[in-house]
């Protein structure tokens, strides 16, 4: 009986301990909830002050015509946060406003300095065409010229397309020399200069212009065709495409050599770019990829 009563008493004591621990846990949970609420309130106050400071900075230094400094937060823009301030917060705000007012009231003195001469926008090797103008309504014989005043303006002459005609003169050996020297060639004509596209009507300057428009100025072929049309030459897109492919084929050895040199470098940089590519069969644009590879050592 004593043992059983002793065990019952111990069980009751343990139950009391468990109840007390549960009470402590509940109290701690309440404290945690209260602390979380305090943290939320403090965070809301911090956010409110940050918004107010941002507003004051914008009011003082932003692009606004009227830079007033309202000391009452209630005149600010509506906010979801509690705008009531404690005495310490109000004192800090007043100090910041006073500091801004002092900075705004300062007179900034700029020392006099010589202005730099404007850099020339024209290269010195540009050709110059002069137009001389003389006063009208006077007899120049009655005056002595003492100087000139010049005014320079930038002018441009639109591109002009022309026919580059190669005329090869043919000769025939005189009949007397044909009899005396029958082994000599009777007819003589200079060979045609080497062309990128044999028997083509395109010149090197035209092909270079097409590639420059495409890769330097990023003009699509239809705009290049339109430009040439306005200059008096009608070309089809298939013709431009064939010329472009022919030039690329001629430049392929140079590309292969440059590629081999870059890929042999110990350090290369690669950049991926996407661009729309027109699919003539599907009549839509698909996404294409271009990888630019650069030798970071020598800069090729």
C-alpha atoms as a PDB file:
ATOM      1  CA  UNK A   1       0.000   0.000   0.000  1.00  0.00           C
ATOM      2  CA  UNK A   2       2.815   2.369   0.902  1.00  0.00           C
ATOM      3  CA  UNK A   3       4.515   1.731  -2.420  1.00  0.00           C
ATOM      4  CA  UNK A   4       1.354   2.332  -4.398  1.00  0.00           C
ATOM      5  CA  UNK A   5       0.597   5.555  -2.525  1.00  0.00           C
ATOM      6  CA  UNK A   6       4.172   6.656  -3.065  1.00  0.00           C
ATOM      7  CA  UNK A   7       3.892   6.030  -6.790  1.00  0.00           C
ATOM      8  CA  UNK A   8       0.589   7.897  -6.944  1.00  0.00           C
ATOM      9  CA  UNK A   9       2.163  10.869  -5.196  1.00  0.00           C
ATOM     10  CA  UNK A  10       5.075  10.889  -7.627  1.00  0.00           C
ATOM     11  CA  UNK A  11       2.670  10.747 -10.543  1.00  0.00           C
ATOM     12  CA  UNK A  12       0.750  13.714  -9.170  1.00  0.00           C
ATOM     13  CA  UNK A  13       3.976  15.668  -8.727  1.00  0.00           C
ATOM     14  CA  UNK A  14       4.985  14.947 -12.325  1.00  0.00           C
ATOM     15  CA  UNK A  15       1.568  16.024 -13.528  1.00  0.00           C
ATOM     16  CA  UNK A  16       1.991  19.291 -11.624  1.00  0.00           C
ATOM     17  CA  UNK A  17       5.420  19.797 -13.198  1.00  0.00           C
ATOM     18  CA  UNK A  18       3.981  19.170 -16.650  1.00  0.00           C
ATOM     19  CA  UNK A  19       1.157  21.628 -15.993  1.00  0.00           C
ATOM     20  CA  UNK A  20       3.632  24.266 -14.788  1.00  0.00           C
ATOM     21  CA  UNK A  21       5.833  23.716 -17.827  1.00  0.00           C
ATOM     22  CA  UNK A  22       2.815  24.036 -20.097  1.00  0.00           C
ATOM     23  CA  UNK A  23       1.930  27.308 -18.376  1.00  0.00           C
ATOM     24  CA  UNK A  24       5.474  28.565 -18.895  1.00  0.00           C
ATOM     25  CA  UNK A  25       5.345  27.565 -22.561  1.00  0.00           C
ATOM     26  CA  UNK A  26       2.044  29.397 -22.982  1.00  0.00           C
ATOM     27  CA  UNK A  27       3.505  32.484 -21.292  1.00  0.00           C
ATOM     28  CA  UNK A  28       6.573  32.350 -23.522  1.00  0.00           C
ATOM     29  CA  UNK A  29       4.373  31.991 -26.601  1.00  0.00           C
ATOM     30  CA  UNK A  30       2.440  35.068 -25.503  1.00  0.00           C
ATOM     31  CA  UNK A  31       5.697  36.965 -25.047  1.00  0.00           C
ATOM     32  CA  UNK A  32       6.855  35.856 -28.495  1.00  0.00           C
ATOM     33  CA  UNK A  33       3.593  37.074 -30.015  1.00  0.00           C
ATOM     34  CA  UNK A  34       3.954  40.396 -28.198  1.00  0.00           C
ATOM     35  CA  UNK A  35       7.564  40.734 -29.353  1.00  0.00           C
ATOM     36  CA  UNK A  36       6.561  39.986 -32.940  1.00  0.00           C
ATOM     37  CA  UNK A  37       3.894  42.676 -32.742  1.00  0.00           C
ATOM     38  CA  UNK A  38       6.454  45.129 -31.380  1.00  0.00           C
ATOM     39  CA  UNK A  39       8.855  44.203 -34.174  1.00  0.00           C
ATOM     40  CA  UNK A  40       6.119  44.717 -36.765  1.00  0.00           C
ATOM     41  CA  UNK A  41       5.257  48.101 -35.260  1.00  0.00           C
ATOM     42  CA  UNK A  42       8.913  49.112 -35.203  1.00  0.00           C
ATOM     43  CA  UNK A  43       9.353  47.973 -38.809  1.00  0.00           C
ATOM     44  CA  UNK A  44       6.282  49.956 -39.809  1.00  0.00           C
ATOM     45  CA  UNK A  45       7.734  53.012 -38.052  1.00  0.00           C
ATOM     46  CA  UNK A  46      11.064  52.529 -39.825  1.00  0.00           C
ATOM     47  CA  UNK A  47       9.338  52.208 -43.192  1.00  0.00           C
ATOM     48  CA  UNK A  48       7.282  55.297 -42.446  1.00  0.00           C
ATOM     49  CA  UNK A  49      10.381  57.302 -41.547  1.00  0.00           C
ATOM     50  CA  UNK A  50      12.199  56.073 -44.632  1.00  0.00           C
ATOM     51  CA  UNK A  51       9.277  57.129 -46.805  1.00  0.00           C
ATOM     52  CA  UNK A  52       9.225  60.522 -45.136  1.00  0.00           C
ATOM     53  CA  UNK A  53      12.975  60.990 -45.591  1.00  0.00           C
ATOM     54  CA  UNK A  54      12.727  59.992 -49.244  1.00  0.00           C
ATOM     55  CA  UNK A  55       9.892  62.481 -49.678  1.00  0.00           C
ATOM     56  CA  UNK A  56      11.918  65.253 -48.033  1.00  0.00           C
ATOM     57  CA  UNK A  57      14.961  64.513 -50.184  1.00  0.00           C
ATOM     58  CA  UNK A  58      12.827  64.576 -53.307  1.00  0.00           C
ATOM     59  CA  UNK A  59      11.232  67.816 -52.135  1.00  0.00           C
ATOM     60  CA  UNK A  60      14.618  69.407 -51.517  1.00  0.00           C
ATOM     61  CA  UNK A  61      16.770  68.036 -54.313  1.00  0.00           C
ATOM     62  CA  UNK A  62      14.320  66.645 -56.857  1.00  0.00           C
ATOM     63  CA  UNK A  63      13.105  68.328 -60.038  1.00  0.00           C
ATOM     64  CA  UNK A  64      10.236  70.228 -58.399  1.00  0.00           C
ATOM     65  CA  UNK A  65       9.377  73.877 -58.933  1.00  0.00           C
ATOM     66  CA  UNK A  66       8.338  74.520 -55.321  1.00  0.00           C
ATOM     67  CA  UNK A  67      10.604  73.244 -52.561  1.00  0.00           C
ATOM     68  CA  UNK A  68       8.551  73.652 -49.388  1.00  0.00           C
ATOM     69  CA  UNK A  69       9.361  71.837 -46.202  1.00  0.00           C
ATOM     70  CA  UNK A  70       6.158  70.898 -44.351  1.00  0.00           C
ATOM     71  CA  UNK A  71       7.023  69.959 -40.792  1.00  0.00           C
ATOM     72  CA  UNK A  72       3.673  68.270 -40.196  1.00  0.00           C
ATOM     73  CA  UNK A  73       3.720  64.677 -41.508  1.00  0.00           C
ATOM     74  CA  UNK A  74      -0.048  64.791 -41.970  1.00  0.00           C
ATOM     75  CA  UNK A  75       0.371  66.953 -45.080  1.00  0.00           C
ATOM     76  CA  UNK A  76       2.423  64.275 -46.795  1.00  0.00           C
ATOM     77  CA  UNK A  77       1.063  61.796 -49.278  1.00  0.00           C
ATOM     78  CA  UNK A  78      -1.304  59.146 -47.862  1.00  0.00           C
ATOM     79  CA  UNK A  79       0.379  56.068 -46.462  1.00  0.00           C
ATOM     80  CA  UNK A  80      -0.701  52.769 -44.980  1.00  0.00           C
ATOM     81  CA  UNK A  81       1.693  53.167 -42.046  1.00  0.00           C
ATOM     82  CA  UNK A  82       1.073  54.919 -38.771  1.00  0.00           C
ATOM     83  CA  UNK A  83       2.445  58.449 -39.175  1.00  0.00           C
ATOM     84  CA  UNK A  84       2.408  59.350 -35.471  1.00  0.00           C
ATOM     85  CA  UNK A  85       5.915  60.142 -34.224  1.00  0.00           C
ATOM     86  CA  UNK A  86       7.455  59.929 -30.801  1.00  0.00           C
ATOM     87  CA  UNK A  87       9.305  62.894 -29.324  1.00  0.00           C
ATOM     88  CA  UNK A  88      12.670  61.387 -30.256  1.00  0.00           C
ATOM     89  CA  UNK A  89      11.557  60.703 -33.839  1.00  0.00           C
ATOM     90  CA  UNK A  90      10.127  64.214 -34.171  1.00  0.00           C
ATOM     91  CA  UNK A  91      13.373  65.704 -32.842  1.00  0.00           C
ATOM     92  CA  UNK A  92      15.423  63.679 -35.327  1.00  0.00           C
ATOM     93  CA  UNK A  93      13.126  64.746 -38.145  1.00  0.00           C
ATOM     94  CA  UNK A  94      13.349  68.413 -37.146  1.00  0.00           C
ATOM     95  CA  UNK A  95      17.145  68.173 -37.050  1.00  0.00           C
ATOM     96  CA  UNK A  96      17.239  66.640 -40.529  1.00  0.00           C
ATOM     97  CA  UNK A  97      14.924  69.331 -41.898  1.00  0.00           C
ATOM     98  CA  UNK A  98      17.039  72.066 -40.328  1.00  0.00           C
ATOM     99  CA  UNK A  99      20.158  70.535 -41.866  1.00  0.00           C
ATOM    100  CA  UNK A 100      18.495  70.471 -45.289  1.00  0.00           C
ATOM    101  CA  UNK A 101      17.436  74.110 -44.911  1.00  0.00           C
ATOM    102  CA  UNK A 102      20.999  75.123 -44.056  1.00  0.00           C
ATOM    103  CA  UNK A 103      22.344  73.245 -47.076  1.00  0.00           C
ATOM    104  CA  UNK A 104      19.736  74.836 -49.302  1.00  0.00           C
ATOM    105  CA  UNK A 105      20.557  78.318 -47.977  1.00  0.00           C
ATOM    106  CA  UNK A 106      24.265  78.024 -48.717  1.00  0.00           C
ATOM    107  CA  UNK A 107      25.554  80.193 -51.552  1.00  0.00           C
ATOM    108  CA  UNK A 108      27.765  78.212 -53.869  1.00  0.00           C
ATOM    109  CA  UNK A 109      30.619  80.227 -55.314  1.00  0.00           C
ATOM    110  CA  UNK A 110      32.191  79.036 -58.536  1.00  0.00           C
ATOM    111  CA  UNK A 111      35.615  80.346 -59.383  1.00  0.00           C
ATOM    112  CA  UNK A 112      36.032  81.880 -62.778  1.00  0.00           C
ATOM    113  CA  UNK A 113      37.727  79.622 -65.261  1.00  0.00           C
ATOM    114  CA  UNK A 114      38.602  79.574 -68.888  1.00  0.00           C
ATOM    115  CA  UNK A 115      36.261  77.668 -71.090  1.00  0.00           C
ATOM    116  CA  UNK A 116      37.801  75.048 -73.284  1.00  0.00           C
ATOM    117  CA  UNK A 117      37.726  75.725 -76.962  1.00  0.00           C
ATOM    118  CA  UNK A 118      35.142  73.560 -78.669  1.00  0.00           C
ATOM    119  CA  UNK A 119      36.736  70.595 -80.315  1.00  0.00           C
ATOM    120  CA  UNK A 120      36.526  70.636 -84.093  1.00  0.00           C
ATOM    121  CA  UNK A 121      33.926  68.294 -85.526  1.00  0.00           C
ATOM    122  CA  UNK A 122      35.543  68.211 -88.953  1.00  0.00           C
ATOM    123  CA  UNK A 123      38.708  66.381 -89.908  1.00  0.00           C
ATOM    124  CA  UNK A 124      41.470  68.572 -91.228  1.00  0.00           C
ATOM    125  CA  UNK A 125      41.891  66.452 -94.358  1.00  0.00           C
ATOM    126  CA  UNK A 126      38.350  67.064 -95.615  1.00  0.00           C
ATOM    127  CA  UNK A 127      38.335  68.711 -99.047  1.00  0.00           C
ATOM    128  CA  UNK A 128      37.361  72.374 -99.080  1.00  0.00           C
ATOM    129  CA  UNK A 129      35.307  74.072-101.766  1.00  0.00           C
ATOM    130  CA  UNK A 130      35.289  77.857-101.590  1.00  0.00           C
ATOM    131  CA  UNK A 131      32.590  80.251-102.730  1.00  0.00           C
ATOM    132  CA  UNK A 132      33.788  83.857-102.940  1.00  0.00           C
ATOM    133  CA  UNK A 133      31.243  86.613-102.396  1.00  0.00           C
ATOM    134  CA  UNK A 134      31.961  90.251-103.205  1.00  0.00           C
ATOM    135  CA  UNK A 135      29.911  93.289-102.206  1.00  0.00           C
ATOM    136  CA  UNK A 136      27.305  94.265-104.768  1.00  0.00           C
ATOM    137  CA  UNK A 137      26.561  97.747-106.030  1.00  0.00           C
ATOM    138  CA  UNK A 138      30.094  99.131-105.708  1.00  0.00           C
ATOM    139  CA  UNK A 139      33.032  99.669-108.040  1.00  0.00           C
ATOM    140  CA  UNK A 140      35.785  97.400-106.805  1.00  0.00           C
ATOM    141  CA  UNK A 141      38.391  99.556-108.565  1.00  0.00           C
ATOM    142  CA  UNK A 142      37.637 102.278-106.041  1.00  0.00           C
ATOM    143  CA  UNK A 143      38.385 100.035-103.043  1.00  0.00           C
ATOM    144  CA  UNK A 144      41.385  98.221-101.620  1.00  0.00           C
ATOM    145  CA  UNK A 145      40.799  94.786-100.207  1.00  0.00           C
ATOM    146  CA  UNK A 146      41.999  94.550 -96.605  1.00  0.00           C
ATOM    147  CA  UNK A 147      41.064  90.980 -95.720  1.00  0.00           C
ATOM    148  CA  UNK A 148      38.421  88.279 -95.729  1.00  0.00           C
ATOM    149  CA  UNK A 149      35.997  86.677 -93.312  1.00  0.00           C
ATOM    150  CA  UNK A 150      35.417  82.964 -93.660  1.00  0.00           C
ATOM    151  CA  UNK A 151      32.474  80.843 -92.564  1.00  0.00           C
ATOM    152  CA  UNK A 152      32.807  77.061 -92.648  1.00  0.00           C
ATOM    153  CA  UNK A 153      29.803  74.751 -92.931  1.00  0.00           C
ATOM    154  CA  UNK A 154      29.648  70.998 -93.302  1.00  0.00           C
ATOM    155  CA  UNK A 155      28.245  69.927 -96.661  1.00  0.00           C
ATOM    156  CA  UNK A 156      27.567  66.552 -98.228  1.00  0.00           C
ATOM    157  CA  UNK A 157      27.221  65.424-101.794  1.00  0.00           C
ATOM    158  CA  UNK A 158      24.746  62.528-102.233  1.00  0.00           C
ATOM    159  CA  UNK A 159      26.134  59.230-103.430  1.00  0.00           C
ATOM    160  CA  UNK A 160      26.277  58.866-107.186  1.00  0.00           C
ATOM    161  CA  UNK A 161      26.239  55.566-109.040  1.00  0.00           C
ATOM    162  CA  UNK A 162      28.038  55.424-112.343  1.00  0.00           C
ATOM    163  CA  UNK A 163      29.091  52.902-114.967  1.00  0.00           C
ATOM    164  CA  UNK A 164      32.681  51.772-114.610  1.00  0.00           C
ATOM    165  CA  UNK A 165      33.344  50.924-118.244  1.00  0.00           C
ATOM    166  CA  UNK A 166      36.515  49.076-119.129  1.00  0.00           C
ATOM    167  CA  UNK A 167      37.493  49.590-122.772  1.00  0.00           C
ATOM    168  CA  UNK A 168      40.063  47.121-124.086  1.00  0.00           C
ATOM    169  CA  UNK A 169      41.691  48.090-127.343  1.00  0.00           C
ATOM    170  CA  UNK A 170      42.356  45.346-129.885  1.00  0.00           C
ATOM    171  CA  UNK A 171      45.253  45.410-132.281  1.00  0.00           C
ATOM    172  CA  UNK A 172      46.149  43.427-135.347  1.00  0.00           C
ATOM    173  CA  UNK A 173      49.679  42.888-136.511  1.00  0.00           C
ATOM    174  CA  UNK A 174      50.488  44.757-139.687  1.00  0.00           C
ATOM    175  CA  UNK A 175      50.426  42.618-142.814  1.00  0.00           C
ATOM    176  CA  UNK A 176      54.082  43.224-143.601  1.00  0.00           C
ATOM    177  CA  UNK A 177      55.122  41.937-140.192  1.00  0.00           C
ATOM    178  CA  UNK A 178      52.776  38.994-140.512  1.00  0.00           C
ATOM    179  CA  UNK A 179      54.729  37.918-143.592  1.00  0.00           C
ATOM    180  CA  UNK A 180      58.114  38.584-142.048  1.00  0.00           C
ATOM    181  CA  UNK A 181      57.303  37.049-138.658  1.00  0.00           C
ATOM    182  CA  UNK A 182      54.531  34.489-139.103  1.00  0.00           C
ATOM    183  CA  UNK A 183      55.143  33.084-135.594  1.00  0.00           C
ATOM    184  CA  UNK A 184      53.947  36.298-133.932  1.00  0.00           C
ATOM    185  CA  UNK A 185      50.386  36.596-132.655  1.00  0.00           C
ATOM    186  CA  UNK A 186      48.157  38.330-135.153  1.00  0.00           C
ATOM    187  CA  UNK A 187      45.508  39.758-132.830  1.00  0.00           C
ATOM    188  CA  UNK A 188      46.387  41.291-129.453  1.00  0.00           C
ATOM    189  CA  UNK A 189      44.069  42.529-126.699  1.00  0.00           C
ATOM    190  CA  UNK A 190      44.699  43.180-123.009  1.00  0.00           C
ATOM    191  CA  UNK A 191      43.135  40.650-120.625  1.00  0.00           C
ATOM    192  CA  UNK A 192      40.307  41.678-118.363  1.00  0.00           C
ATOM    193  CA  UNK A 193      41.338  42.607-114.822  1.00  0.00           C
ATOM    194  CA  UNK A 194      40.544  39.959-112.242  1.00  0.00           C
ATOM    195  CA  UNK A 195      36.967  40.174-110.988  1.00  0.00           C
ATOM    196  CA  UNK A 196      35.397  38.824-107.822  1.00  0.00           C
ATOM    197  CA  UNK A 197      32.491  37.505-109.887  1.00  0.00           C
ATOM    198  CA  UNK A 198      33.679  36.623-113.414  1.00  0.00           C
ATOM    199  CA  UNK A 199      31.665  38.357-116.133  1.00  0.00           C
ATOM    200  CA  UNK A 200      29.556  40.017-113.454  1.00  0.00           C
ATOM    201  CA  UNK A 201      28.212  43.546-113.669  1.00  0.00           C
ATOM    202  CA  UNK A 202      29.213  44.332-110.084  1.00  0.00           C
ATOM    203  CA  UNK A 203      32.383  46.190-109.225  1.00  0.00           C
ATOM    204  CA  UNK A 204      34.500  45.861-106.116  1.00  0.00           C
ATOM    205  CA  UNK A 205      33.266  49.225-104.857  1.00  0.00           C
ATOM    206  CA  UNK A 206      29.629  48.138-105.171  1.00  0.00           C
ATOM    207  CA  UNK A 207      30.232  44.858-103.349  1.00  0.00           C
ATOM    208  CA  UNK A 208      32.121  46.665-100.603  1.00  0.00           C
ATOM    209  CA  UNK A 209      29.239  49.126-100.234  1.00  0.00           C
ATOM    210  CA  UNK A 210      26.752  46.254 -99.854  1.00  0.00           C
ATOM    211  CA  UNK A 211      28.804  44.600 -97.106  1.00  0.00           C
ATOM    212  CA  UNK A 212      29.409  47.895 -95.290  1.00  0.00           C
ATOM    213  CA  UNK A 213      25.689  48.696 -95.329  1.00  0.00           C
ATOM    214  CA  UNK A 214      24.895  45.240 -93.945  1.00  0.00           C
ATOM    215  CA  UNK A 215      27.552  44.788 -91.272  1.00  0.00           C
ATOM    216  CA  UNK A 216      28.471  48.354 -90.303  1.00  0.00           C
ATOM    217  CA  UNK A 217      25.127  50.121 -90.646  1.00  0.00           C
ATOM    218  CA  UNK A 218      22.948  46.985 -90.180  1.00  0.00           C
ATOM    219  CA  UNK A 219      20.781  47.641 -93.222  1.00  0.00           C
ATOM    220  CA  UNK A 220      18.749  44.705 -94.531  1.00  0.00           C
ATOM    221  CA  UNK A 221      19.026  43.935 -98.217  1.00  0.00           C
ATOM    222  CA  UNK A 222      15.611  45.353 -99.096  1.00  0.00           C
ATOM    223  CA  UNK A 223      16.714  48.760 -97.820  1.00  0.00           C
ATOM    224  CA  UNK A 224      19.945  48.521 -99.797  1.00  0.00           C
ATOM    225  CA  UNK A 225      17.876  47.675-102.893  1.00  0.00           C
ATOM    226  CA  UNK A 226      15.633  50.673-102.210  1.00  0.00           C
ATOM    227  CA  UNK A 227      18.670  52.931-101.850  1.00  0.00           C
ATOM    228  CA  UNK A 228      20.115  51.783-105.176  1.00  0.00           C
ATOM    229  CA  UNK A 229      16.715  52.195-106.819  1.00  0.00           C
ATOM    230  CA  UNK A 230      16.637  55.837-105.778  1.00  0.00           C
ATOM    231  CA  UNK A 231      20.116  56.211-107.292  1.00  0.00           C
ATOM    232  CA  UNK A 232      18.960  54.805-110.631  1.00  0.00           C
ATOM    233  CA  UNK A 233      19.863  51.096-110.437  1.00  0.00           C
ATOM    234  CA  UNK A 234      17.245  48.340-110.180  1.00  0.00           C
ATOM    235  CA  UNK A 235      18.485  45.168-108.492  1.00  0.00           C
ATOM    236  CA  UNK A 236      16.557  42.127-107.283  1.00  0.00           C
ATOM    237  CA  UNK A 237      16.963  40.498-103.904  1.00  0.00           C
ATOM    238  CA  UNK A 238      18.226  37.300-105.541  1.00  0.00           C
ATOM    239  CA  UNK A 239      20.969  39.249-107.328  1.00  0.00           C
ATOM    240  CA  UNK A 240      22.079  40.924-104.112  1.00  0.00           C
ATOM    241  CA  UNK A 241      22.009  37.559-102.348  1.00  0.00           C
ATOM    242  CA  UNK A 242      24.139  35.886-105.028  1.00  0.00           C
ATOM    243  CA  UNK A 243      26.686  38.689-104.884  1.00  0.00           C
ATOM    244  CA  UNK A 244      26.788  38.486-101.105  1.00  0.00           C
ATOM    245  CA  UNK A 245      27.392  34.722-101.172  1.00  0.00           C
ATOM    246  CA  UNK A 246      30.139  35.130-103.769  1.00  0.00           C
ATOM    247  CA  UNK A 247      31.968  37.703-101.644  1.00  0.00           C
ATOM    248  CA  UNK A 248      31.638  35.498 -98.552  1.00  0.00           C
ATOM    249  CA  UNK A 249      33.137  32.589-100.493  1.00  0.00           C
ATOM    250  CA  UNK A 250      36.094  34.720-101.554  1.00  0.00           C
ATOM    251  CA  UNK A 251      36.624  35.872 -97.976  1.00  0.00           C
ATOM    252  CA  UNK A 252      36.329  32.354 -96.507  1.00  0.00           C
ATOM    253  CA  UNK A 253      40.121  31.667 -96.447  1.00  0.00           C
ATOM    254  CA  UNK A 254      40.653  34.865 -94.466  1.00  0.00           C
ATOM    255  CA  UNK A 255      37.877  33.858 -92.063  1.00  0.00           C
ATOM    256  CA  UNK A 256      39.332  30.362 -91.594  1.00  0.00           C
ATOM    257  CA  UNK A 257      42.759  31.770 -90.838  1.00  0.00           C
ATOM    258  CA  UNK A 258      41.385  34.246 -88.319  1.00  0.00           C
ATOM    259  CA  UNK A 259      39.240  31.549 -86.703  1.00  0.00           C
ATOM    260  CA  UNK A 260      42.214  29.220 -86.358  1.00  0.00           C
ATOM    261  CA  UNK A 261      44.263  31.977 -84.763  1.00  0.00           C
ATOM    262  CA  UNK A 262      41.544  32.874 -82.260  1.00  0.00           C
ATOM    263  CA  UNK A 263      40.725  29.289 -81.290  1.00  0.00           C
ATOM    264  CA  UNK A 264      44.407  28.592 -80.611  1.00  0.00           C
ATOM    265  CA  UNK A 265      44.447  31.272 -77.914  1.00  0.00           C
ATOM    266  CA  UNK A 266      44.703  30.304 -74.248  1.00  0.00           C
ATOM    267  CA  UNK A 267      41.862  32.647 -73.304  1.00  0.00           C
ATOM    268  CA  UNK A 268      38.824  33.368 -75.452  1.00  0.00           C
ATOM    269  CA  UNK A 269      35.593  35.225 -74.722  1.00  0.00           C
ATOM    270  CA  UNK A 270      32.236  34.192 -76.211  1.00  0.00           C
ATOM    271  CA  UNK A 271      29.046  36.242 -76.394  1.00  0.00           C
ATOM    272  CA  UNK A 272      25.710  34.836 -77.519  1.00  0.00           C
ATOM    273  CA  UNK A 273      23.169  36.991 -79.333  1.00  0.00           C
ATOM    274  CA  UNK A 274      19.785  36.173 -80.791  1.00  0.00           C
ATOM    275  CA  UNK A 275      18.259  37.622 -83.918  1.00  0.00           C
ATOM    276  CA  UNK A 276      15.110  36.968 -85.948  1.00  0.00           C
ATOM    277  CA  UNK A 277      15.662  34.990 -89.140  1.00  0.00           C
ATOM    278  CA  UNK A 278      12.983  34.979 -91.827  1.00  0.00           C
ATOM    279  CA  UNK A 279      11.846  31.506 -92.868  1.00  0.00           C
ATOM    280  CA  UNK A 280      10.551  31.828 -96.427  1.00  0.00           C
ATOM    281  CA  UNK A 281       8.837  28.436 -96.313  1.00  0.00           C
ATOM    282  CA  UNK A 282       6.898  29.069 -93.116  1.00  0.00           C
ATOM    283  CA  UNK A 283       6.524  32.789 -93.869  1.00  0.00           C
ATOM    284  CA  UNK A 284       7.505  33.729 -90.363  1.00  0.00           C
ATOM    285  CA  UNK A 285      10.555  34.680 -88.346  1.00  0.00           C
ATOM    286  CA  UNK A 286      12.399  32.133 -86.241  1.00  0.00           C
ATOM    287  CA  UNK A 287      14.951  32.755 -83.531  1.00  0.00           C
ATOM    288  CA  UNK A 288      18.543  32.500 -84.696  1.00  0.00           C
ATOM    289  CA  UNK A 289      21.732  32.513 -82.657  1.00  0.00           C
ATOM    290  CA  UNK A 290      25.083  34.186 -83.248  1.00  0.00           C
ATOM    291  CA  UNK A 291      28.167  33.480 -81.163  1.00  0.00           C
ATOM    292  CA  UNK A 292      30.880  36.112 -81.215  1.00  0.00           C
ATOM    293  CA  UNK A 293      34.268  34.676 -80.256  1.00  0.00           C
ATOM    294  CA  UNK A 294      37.081  37.015 -79.231  1.00  0.00           C
ATOM    295  CA  UNK A 295      40.707  36.432 -78.367  1.00  0.00           C
ATOM    296  CA  UNK A 296      41.078  38.159 -74.999  1.00  0.00           C
ATOM    297  CA  UNK A 297      44.874  37.990 -75.157  1.00  0.00           C
ATOM    298  CA  UNK A 298      45.582  39.914 -78.361  1.00  0.00           C
ATOM    299  CA  UNK A 299      42.130  41.447 -78.846  1.00  0.00           C
ATOM    300  CA  UNK A 300      41.260  39.817 -82.210  1.00  0.00           C
END
